[in-house]
Amino acid sequence: MNPSAKPDMECGCCPGGCDECCDCCFVRQNHIFFSICLPILSRYGGTLLKVEADDLFVLFPTAAFAVQAAAACIAATKAFSATKARKNDKIILD
């Protein structure tokens, strides 16, 4: 990843801009996703066990906290993505 790139800006490595998919853009999106969701997961008592690519393995004290945290992450990423015009700038959780 281009060390001077900000999370919400062009990566600088895509010849046609970040509308083209590349590993750098994928990593940039993961950093944004993590910065949005990790504090939320922690707020609901989640303990991060493992990170694999764009998957977070989190242990919660109760199933209810896990569901609430997931809903909060979805809402937060939707709010973030609503401010972005280009598809590759959006964070979409399914």
Protein backbone atom coordinates (compact mmCIF):
# COMPACT_ATOMS: atom_id res chain seq x y z
CA MET A 1 0.00 0.00 0.00
CA ASN A 2 1.22 3.49 -0.78
CA PRO A 3 2.35 4.73 2.66
CA SER A 4 1.38 8.32 1.86
CA ALA A 5 -2.19 7.41 0.83
CA LYS A 6 -4.95 8.34 3.22
CA PRO A 7 -7.70 5.71 3.81
CA ASP A 8 -10.33 7.69 1.91
CA MET A 9 -8.13 8.75 -1.02
CA GLU A 10 -6.65 7.25 -4.19
CA CYS A 11 -3.99 4.63 -3.55
CA GLY A 12 -1.73 6.10 -6.22
CA CYS A 13 -0.77 2.75 -7.73
CA CYS A 14 -3.70 2.13 -10.09
CA PRO A 15 -2.97 3.43 -13.60
CA GLY A 16 -6.65 4.08 -14.27
CA GLY A 17 -7.44 5.28 -10.75
CA CYS A 18 -8.91 3.30 -7.89
CA ASP A 19 -11.98 2.37 -9.93
CA GLU A 20 -9.80 -0.52 -11.07
CA CYS A 21 -9.57 -3.35 -8.58
CA CYS A 22 -6.12 -4.10 -7.20
CA ASP A 23 -4.60 -5.61 -4.07
CA CYS A 24 -3.69 -2.17 -2.77
CA CYS A 25 -7.31 -1.02 -2.91
CA PHE A 26 -8.43 -4.23 -1.19
CA VAL A 27 -5.96 -3.63 1.63
CA ARG A 28 -7.04 0.03 1.87
CA GLN A 29 -10.68 -1.03 2.17
CA ASN A 30 -9.77 -3.54 4.88
CA HIS A 31 -7.99 -0.84 6.87
CA ILE A 32 -11.07 1.36 6.65
CA PHE A 33 -13.35 -1.56 7.61
CA PHE A 34 -11.15 -2.41 10.60
CA SER A 35 -10.99 1.22 11.75
CA ILE A 36 -14.79 1.42 11.67
CA CYS A 37 -15.68 -1.96 13.17
CA LEU A 38 -12.97 -2.82 15.71
CA PRO A 39 -14.02 -0.09 18.17
CA ILE A 40 -17.67 -1.17 17.79
CA LEU A 41 -16.85 -4.81 18.39
CA SER A 42 -14.87 -3.84 21.48
CA ARG A 43 -17.75 -1.71 22.78
CA TYR A 44 -19.95 -4.82 22.78
CA GLY A 45 -17.38 -6.83 24.75
CA GLY A 46 -15.81 -8.52 21.74
CA THR A 47 -12.32 -9.95 21.93
CA LEU A 48 -10.47 -10.14 18.61
CA LEU A 49 -9.07 -13.67 18.23
CA LYS A 50 -7.82 -13.70 14.66
CA VAL A 51 -7.73 -11.72 11.41
CA GLU A 52 -7.62 -13.54 8.08
CA ALA A 53 -7.72 -11.30 5.00
CA ASP A 54 -11.01 -9.42 5.45
CA ASP A 55 -12.44 -11.75 8.11
CA LEU A 56 -12.47 -10.92 11.80
CA PHE A 57 -12.87 -13.74 14.32
CA VAL A 58 -14.30 -12.20 17.48
CA LEU A 59 -15.46 -13.82 20.72
CA PHE A 60 -18.36 -12.17 22.58
CA PRO A 61 -19.65 -12.76 26.12
CA THR A 62 -23.17 -13.48 24.79
CA ALA A 63 -24.84 -14.19 21.47
CA ALA A 64 -26.99 -11.08 21.96
CA PHE A 65 -23.87 -8.87 22.13
CA ALA A 66 -22.55 -10.52 18.96
CA VAL A 67 -25.78 -9.80 17.08
CA GLN A 68 -25.91 -6.21 18.36
CA ALA A 69 -22.28 -5.64 17.38
CA ALA A 70 -22.90 -7.04 13.90
CA ALA A 71 -25.92 -4.77 13.43
CA ALA A 72 -23.90 -1.77 14.64
CA CYS A 73 -21.05 -2.58 12.21
CA ILE A 74 -23.48 -2.88 9.31
CA ALA A 75 -25.10 0.46 10.21
CA ALA A 76 -21.72 2.17 10.59
CA THR A 77 -20.35 0.89 7.28
CA LYS A 78 -23.58 1.82 5.48
CA ALA A 79 -23.33 5.35 6.91
CA PHE A 80 -19.69 5.55 5.79
CA SER A 81 -20.49 4.21 2.31
CA ALA A 82 -23.40 6.62 1.84
CA THR A 83 -20.84 9.43 1.71
CA LYS A 84 -18.83 7.76 -1.08
CA ALA A 85 -19.71 8.05 -4.76
CA ARG A 86 -17.45 5.36 -6.23
CA LYS A 87 -18.08 1.65 -5.68
CA ASN A 88 -14.47 0.89 -4.66
CA ASP A 89 -14.67 3.50 -1.89
CA LYS A 90 -17.66 1.79 -0.24
CA ILE A 91 -17.51 -0.81 2.50
CA ILE A 92 -20.29 -3.36 2.03
CA LEU A 93 -21.05 -6.03 4.62
CA ASP A 94 -23.31 -8.87 3.56
